[in-house]
N, C-alpha and C. Protein backbone atom coordinates (compact mmCIF):
# COMPACT_ATOMS: atom_id res chain seq x y z
N UNK A 1 114.26 81.07 82.33
CA UNK A 1 112.77 81.78 83.14
C UNK A 1 112.16 82.08 81.79
N UNK A 2 110.59 81.11 81.42
CA UNK A 2 109.98 81.20 80.18
C UNK A 2 109.29 82.76 80.16
N UNK A 3 108.53 82.91 78.76
CA UNK A 3 108.26 83.54 78.48
C UNK A 3 106.77 84.00 78.73
N UNK A 4 106.30 83.17 79.39
CA UNK A 4 104.90 83.30 80.14
C UNK A 4 104.82 83.53 81.81
N UNK A 5 105.73 82.99 81.78
CA UNK A 5 105.93 83.18 83.54
C UNK A 5 106.58 85.04 83.48
N UNK A 6 107.71 85.26 82.31
CA UNK A 6 108.48 86.51 82.33
C UNK A 6 106.76 87.48 81.88
N UNK A 7 106.10 86.69 81.45
CA UNK A 7 105.15 88.24 80.99
C UNK A 7 103.80 88.12 81.91
N UNK A 8 103.96 86.96 82.77
CA UNK A 8 102.97 87.09 84.01
C UNK A 8 103.38 88.04 84.75
N UNK A 9 104.50 88.01 85.01
CA UNK A 9 105.65 88.98 86.02
C UNK A 9 105.68 90.31 85.90
N UNK A 10 105.69 90.50 84.05
CA UNK A 10 106.09 91.76 84.28
C UNK A 10 104.67 92.27 84.11
N UNK A 11 103.40 91.43 83.26
CA UNK A 11 101.91 92.66 83.97
C UNK A 11 101.64 92.37 85.17
N UNK A 12 102.04 91.72 86.34
CA UNK A 12 101.70 92.52 87.51
C UNK A 12 102.35 93.25 87.94
N UNK A 13 103.80 93.48 88.07
CA UNK A 13 104.54 94.87 88.15
C UNK A 13 103.30 95.94 87.48
N UNK A 14 103.23 95.63 86.60
CA UNK A 14 102.84 97.00 85.36
C UNK A 14 101.35 97.31 86.30
N UNK A 15 100.79 96.33 86.51
CA UNK A 15 99.87 96.78 87.20
C UNK A 15 99.33 97.25 89.13
N UNK A 16 100.65 97.32 89.60
CA UNK A 16 100.79 97.08 90.96
C UNK A 16 101.38 98.48 90.56
N UNK A 17 102.56 99.03 89.94
CA UNK A 17 102.56 100.44 89.38
C UNK A 17 102.23 101.36 89.31
N UNK A 18 100.95 100.86 87.96
CA UNK A 18 100.02 101.81 88.00
C UNK A 18 99.15 101.64 89.55
N UNK A 19 98.57 101.14 89.95
CA UNK A 19 98.08 101.29 90.58
C UNK A 19 98.06 102.01 91.98
N UNK A 20 100.11 102.11 91.90
CA UNK A 20 100.45 103.09 93.01
C UNK A 20 100.16 104.49 92.43
N UNK A 21 99.91 104.38 91.35
CA UNK A 21 100.83 106.01 90.28
C UNK A 21 99.24 106.89 90.81
N UNK A 22 97.91 105.65 90.11
CA UNK A 22 96.59 105.79 90.51
C UNK A 22 96.39 106.26 91.89
N UNK A 23 96.25 106.22 93.06
CA UNK A 23 96.39 105.67 94.18
C UNK A 23 96.64 107.61 94.48
N UNK A 24 98.05 107.69 94.56
CA UNK A 24 99.06 108.59 94.57
C UNK A 24 98.45 110.09 94.17
N UNK A 25 97.85 109.69 92.63
CA UNK A 25 97.69 110.97 91.89
C UNK A 25 95.99 111.56 92.90
N UNK A 26 95.04 110.66 93.26
CA UNK A 26 93.58 110.50 93.65
C UNK A 26 93.57 110.87 94.96
N UNK A 27 94.84 110.80 95.84
CA UNK A 27 94.28 110.40 97.31
C UNK A 27 93.82 111.92 97.65
N UNK A 28 95.08 112.72 97.41
CA UNK A 28 95.28 115.07 97.62
C UNK A 28 93.70 114.94 96.80
N UNK A 29 92.98 114.68 95.57
CA UNK A 29 91.75 115.27 95.65
C UNK A 29 90.79 115.08 96.98
N UNK A 30 90.31 113.83 96.64
CA UNK A 30 89.41 113.65 97.82
C UNK A 30 89.06 113.74 99.19
N UNK A 31 90.92 113.71 99.79
CA UNK A 31 91.23 113.60 101.16
C UNK A 31 91.11 115.65 101.31
N UNK A 32 91.26 116.35 100.44
CA UNK A 32 91.52 118.24 100.01
C UNK A 32 93.09 118.69 101.20
N UNK A 33 93.54 116.51 100.67
CA UNK A 33 95.09 116.96 101.23
C UNK A 33 96.02 118.14 100.92
N UNK A 34 97.53 118.76 100.94
CA UNK A 34 98.57 118.66 100.41
C UNK A 34 98.95 117.62 99.91
N UNK A 35 99.77 117.60 98.98
CA UNK A 35 99.71 115.96 99.09
C UNK A 35 101.67 116.36 99.68
N UNK A 36 101.91 114.98 100.48
CA UNK A 36 103.25 115.15 101.15
C UNK A 36 104.05 114.04 100.54
N UNK A 37 105.14 114.30 101.14
CA UNK A 37 106.13 114.01 100.12
C UNK A 37 106.37 112.38 100.31
N UNK A 38 105.99 112.06 100.92
CA UNK A 38 105.80 109.73 100.75
C UNK A 38 104.98 110.07 99.95
N UNK A 39 104.24 110.79 99.82
CA UNK A 39 103.35 110.12 98.52
C UNK A 39 103.73 110.88 97.31
N UNK A 40 104.56 111.50 96.71
CA UNK A 40 105.63 112.10 95.83
C UNK A 40 106.53 110.42 95.29
N UNK A 41 107.00 110.23 96.77
CA UNK A 41 108.50 108.92 96.73
C UNK A 41 107.33 107.70 96.36
N UNK A 42 106.38 107.36 96.71
CA UNK A 42 105.41 106.56 96.14
C UNK A 42 105.26 106.60 94.85
N UNK A 43 104.29 107.05 94.48
CA UNK A 43 104.69 107.90 93.38
C UNK A 43 105.45 107.49 92.18
N UNK A 44 106.39 107.89 92.37
CA UNK A 44 107.96 107.65 91.75
C UNK A 44 107.91 106.63 92.00
N UNK A 45 108.52 105.95 92.52
CA UNK A 45 108.43 104.20 92.58
C UNK A 45 107.39 103.36 91.98
N UNK A 46 105.88 104.06 91.89
CA UNK A 46 105.31 103.18 91.67
C UNK A 46 105.21 103.47 89.68
N UNK A 47 105.95 104.62 89.35
CA UNK A 47 106.63 104.45 87.85
C UNK A 47 107.93 103.88 87.63
N UNK A 48 108.91 103.18 88.48
CA UNK A 48 110.08 102.76 88.35
C UNK A 48 109.67 101.06 88.47
N UNK A 49 108.32 100.53 89.02
CA UNK A 49 107.92 99.61 88.81
C UNK A 49 107.06 99.23 87.40
N UNK A 50 106.65 100.33 87.24
CA UNK A 50 105.56 100.24 85.66
C UNK A 50 107.08 100.42 84.31
N UNK A 51 108.14 101.17 84.25
CA UNK A 51 109.05 100.83 83.78
C UNK A 51 109.88 99.62 83.79
N UNK A 52 110.26 99.52 85.14
CA UNK A 52 110.74 97.64 84.83
C UNK A 52 109.74 96.32 84.21
N UNK A 53 108.57 96.68 84.55
CA UNK A 53 107.94 95.40 84.11
C UNK A 53 107.76 95.69 83.21
N UNK A 54 107.33 97.11 82.13
CA UNK A 54 107.69 97.06 80.41
C UNK A 54 109.00 97.07 80.33
N UNK A 55 110.00 96.53 80.37
CA UNK A 55 111.41 96.25 80.30
C UNK A 55 111.59 94.75 80.07
N UNK A 56 110.90 93.99 81.24
CA UNK A 56 110.79 92.18 81.66
C UNK A 56 109.77 92.59 80.71
N UNK A 57 108.71 92.83 80.12
CA UNK A 57 107.95 92.52 79.47
C UNK A 57 108.33 92.10 77.94
N UNK A 58 109.39 92.88 77.84
CA UNK A 58 110.21 93.19 76.18
C UNK A 58 110.21 91.35 75.52
N UNK A 59 109.47 91.68 74.32
CA UNK A 59 109.47 89.84 73.77
C UNK A 59 110.51 90.40 72.64
N UNK A 60 111.72 89.87 72.40
CA UNK A 60 112.55 90.18 70.82
C UNK A 60 112.18 89.23 70.04
N UNK A 61 111.48 87.86 70.03
CA UNK A 61 111.28 86.77 69.72
C UNK A 61 109.79 87.44 68.58
N UNK A 62 109.09 88.52 69.21
CA UNK A 62 108.32 89.01 67.52
C UNK A 62 108.21 88.77 66.50
N UNK A 63 107.12 89.48 65.90
CA UNK A 63 107.47 90.44 64.35
C UNK A 63 107.55 92.15 65.17
N UNK A 64 108.45 92.76 64.13
CA UNK A 64 109.01 93.86 64.00
C UNK A 64 108.03 94.83 64.03
N UNK A 65 106.80 94.70 64.25
CA UNK A 65 105.31 95.33 64.34
C UNK A 65 105.26 95.43 66.08
N UNK A 66 106.03 94.47 65.94
CA UNK A 66 104.92 93.85 68.07
C UNK A 66 106.16 94.82 68.11
N UNK A 67 107.01 94.98 68.33
CA UNK A 67 108.46 94.84 68.52
C UNK A 67 108.40 96.75 69.08
N UNK A 68 108.28 96.73 67.63
CA UNK A 68 107.66 98.89 68.20
C UNK A 68 106.83 99.01 69.11
N UNK A 69 105.71 98.23 68.59
CA UNK A 69 105.32 98.92 69.98
C UNK A 69 105.33 98.37 70.90
N UNK A 70 106.09 97.80 71.82
CA UNK A 70 106.56 97.09 72.91
C UNK A 70 107.58 97.78 72.68
N UNK A 71 108.47 99.17 72.38
CA UNK A 71 109.42 100.06 72.38
C UNK A 71 108.23 101.56 73.08
N UNK A 72 107.17 101.32 72.23
CA UNK A 72 106.43 102.37 71.98
C UNK A 72 105.85 102.15 73.96
N UNK A 73 105.56 101.22 74.57
CA UNK A 73 105.25 100.70 75.51
C UNK A 73 105.70 101.27 76.33
N UNK A 74 107.76 100.39 76.33
CA UNK A 74 108.63 100.85 76.91
C UNK A 74 108.52 102.75 77.13
N UNK A 75 108.31 103.59 76.12
CA UNK A 75 109.05 105.01 76.24
C UNK A 75 107.21 105.39 77.11
N UNK A 76 106.49 105.20 77.37
CA UNK A 76 105.36 105.48 78.08
C UNK A 76 105.31 105.29 79.25
N UNK A 77 106.05 104.03 79.80
CA UNK A 77 106.65 104.01 81.15
C UNK A 77 107.95 105.14 81.31
N UNK A 78 108.61 105.67 80.67
CA UNK A 78 109.80 106.81 80.53
C UNK A 78 108.79 107.79 80.32
N UNK A 79 107.42 107.67 80.02
CA UNK A 79 106.91 109.56 80.33
C UNK A 79 106.56 109.48 81.64
N UNK A 80 105.74 108.20 82.36
CA UNK A 80 105.99 108.00 83.65
C UNK A 80 106.76 108.71 84.38
N UNK A 81 107.53 108.03 84.35
CA UNK A 81 109.48 108.79 85.10
C UNK A 81 109.44 110.12 84.85
N UNK A 82 108.98 110.60 84.49
CA UNK A 82 109.76 112.02 83.58
C UNK A 82 108.66 112.74 84.33
N UNK A 83 106.84 112.09 84.51
CA UNK A 83 105.93 113.05 84.84
C UNK A 83 106.32 112.91 86.50
N UNK A 84 106.98 111.95 86.80
CA UNK A 84 107.31 111.71 88.90
C UNK A 84 108.21 112.54 88.95
N UNK A 85 109.11 112.50 87.81
CA UNK A 85 110.61 113.47 88.28
C UNK A 85 110.11 114.95 88.15
N UNK A 86 109.38 115.37 87.34
CA UNK A 86 108.81 116.65 87.21
C UNK A 86 108.18 117.13 88.62
N UNK A 87 107.80 116.36 89.62
CA UNK A 87 106.50 116.24 90.62
C UNK A 87 107.81 117.21 91.81
N UNK A 88 108.98 116.85 91.72
CA UNK A 88 109.98 116.75 92.37
C UNK A 88 109.92 118.79 92.48
N UNK A 89 110.07 118.88 91.24
CA UNK A 89 110.50 120.75 91.17
C UNK A 89 109.43 121.30 90.82
N UNK A 90 109.99 122.51 91.18
CA UNK A 90 108.69 123.49 91.83
C UNK A 90 108.21 123.91 91.19
N UNK A 91 109.39 124.90 90.11
CA UNK A 91 108.73 125.33 89.00
C UNK A 91 107.81 124.74 88.16
N UNK A 92 107.92 123.40 88.49
CA UNK A 92 107.49 122.60 86.51
C UNK A 92 106.39 121.75 87.26
N UNK A 93 105.81 121.90 88.16
CA UNK A 93 105.14 121.19 89.28
C UNK A 93 103.44 120.92 88.40
N UNK A 94 102.98 122.12 88.16
CA UNK A 94 101.90 121.67 87.58
C UNK A 94 101.38 120.67 86.01
N UNK A 95 103.03 120.51 85.22
CA UNK A 95 102.92 119.57 84.02
C UNK A 95 103.52 118.26 83.99
N UNK A 96 103.16 117.66 85.74
CA UNK A 96 103.21 116.76 85.93
C UNK A 96 102.38 115.42 85.31
N UNK A 97 100.86 116.20 85.07
CA UNK A 97 99.80 115.94 84.70
C UNK A 97 99.73 115.52 83.02
N UNK A 98 100.35 116.54 82.65
CA UNK A 98 100.50 116.11 81.58
C UNK A 98 101.48 115.27 80.30
N UNK A 99 102.37 115.31 80.90
CA UNK A 99 102.70 113.66 81.43
C UNK A 99 102.45 112.60 81.30
N UNK A 100 101.77 112.06 82.51
CA UNK A 100 100.86 111.33 82.95
C UNK A 100 99.64 110.39 81.79
N UNK A 101 99.56 111.87 80.92
CA UNK A 101 97.83 111.70 80.43
C UNK A 101 98.60 111.11 78.98
N UNK A 102 99.87 111.58 78.73
CA UNK A 102 100.85 111.20 77.14
C UNK A 102 100.97 110.09 77.43
N UNK A 103 101.80 109.43 77.82
CA UNK A 103 101.82 108.09 78.48
C UNK A 103 100.60 107.89 78.85
N UNK A 104 99.44 107.58 79.20
CA UNK A 104 98.54 107.26 79.41
C UNK A 104 98.33 106.94 77.69
N UNK A 105 97.38 108.13 76.88
CA UNK A 105 96.90 107.89 75.86
C UNK A 105 98.09 106.55 74.77
N UNK A 106 99.47 107.01 75.31
CA UNK A 106 100.73 106.46 73.98
C UNK A 106 100.13 105.06 74.43
N UNK A 107 100.19 104.27 75.80
CA UNK A 107 100.28 103.57 76.26
C UNK A 107 98.47 102.95 76.20
N UNK A 108 97.26 103.37 75.10
CA UNK A 108 96.43 102.86 75.05
C UNK A 108 96.54 102.75 74.10
N UNK A 109 97.29 103.75 73.31
CA UNK A 109 97.07 103.06 71.46
C UNK A 109 98.36 101.80 71.44
N UNK A 110 99.32 101.67 72.17
CA UNK A 110 100.05 100.54 71.70
C UNK A 110 99.45 99.45 72.38
N UNK A 111 99.15 99.03 73.51
CA UNK A 111 97.87 97.48 74.18
C UNK A 111 96.90 97.22 72.75
N UNK A 112 96.23 98.34 72.13
CA UNK A 112 95.43 97.23 72.02
C UNK A 112 95.87 97.18 70.64
N UNK A 113 96.84 97.88 69.97
CA UNK A 113 96.94 97.77 68.33
C UNK A 113 98.51 96.78 68.56
N UNK A 114 98.89 96.48 69.86
CA UNK A 114 98.89 94.71 70.07
C UNK A 114 98.24 93.96 70.01
N UNK A 115 97.35 94.40 70.29
CA UNK A 115 96.48 92.78 70.67
C UNK A 115 95.56 92.52 69.50
N UNK A 116 95.94 93.99 68.75
CA UNK A 116 94.93 93.60 67.23
C UNK A 116 95.73 92.56 65.84
N UNK A 117 97.15 93.32 66.36
CA UNK A 117 98.07 92.39 66.26
C UNK A 117 98.28 90.67 65.96
N UNK A 118 98.55 90.34 67.75
CA UNK A 118 98.05 89.07 67.84
C UNK A 118 97.08 89.09 67.14
N UNK A 119 95.90 88.89 66.82
CA UNK A 119 94.44 88.40 66.58
C UNK A 119 94.62 88.07 65.45
N UNK A 120 95.67 88.95 64.47
CA UNK A 120 95.56 88.77 63.01
C UNK A 120 96.80 87.73 62.59
N UNK A 121 97.88 87.17 63.88
CA UNK A 121 98.62 86.68 63.77
C UNK A 121 98.20 85.34 64.05
N UNK A 122 97.03 84.95 64.34
CA UNK A 122 96.16 83.71 65.10
C UNK A 122 95.56 83.39 63.87
N UNK A 123 94.61 84.22 62.42
CA UNK A 123 94.33 83.78 62.16
C UNK A 123 94.77 83.86 61.02
């Protein structure tokens, strides 16, 4: 499989997983519903899809800095999986949002820096 094809598949997986996670995090807010078990499992599936996309999209042929930033993206996927697993523990349920936000901030930083490094490399 070529790098471009693998990257496009990884991007589609990340987008699909983040969309699932977003929908399952927002639906209970607008419908005033208590979160059902199927929503927890769908959120978890979304987190696992994001992690799979990050692992598939890893490129070992780039510079060391971009490799490190890709490791940070994998860490954000692991934080999403952590937020999904915390939702199943009754005593820790309220902490899932903190893990989700930590993964989001790390993801935003890493994607911004990867884009900056790629543009610098093209010059």
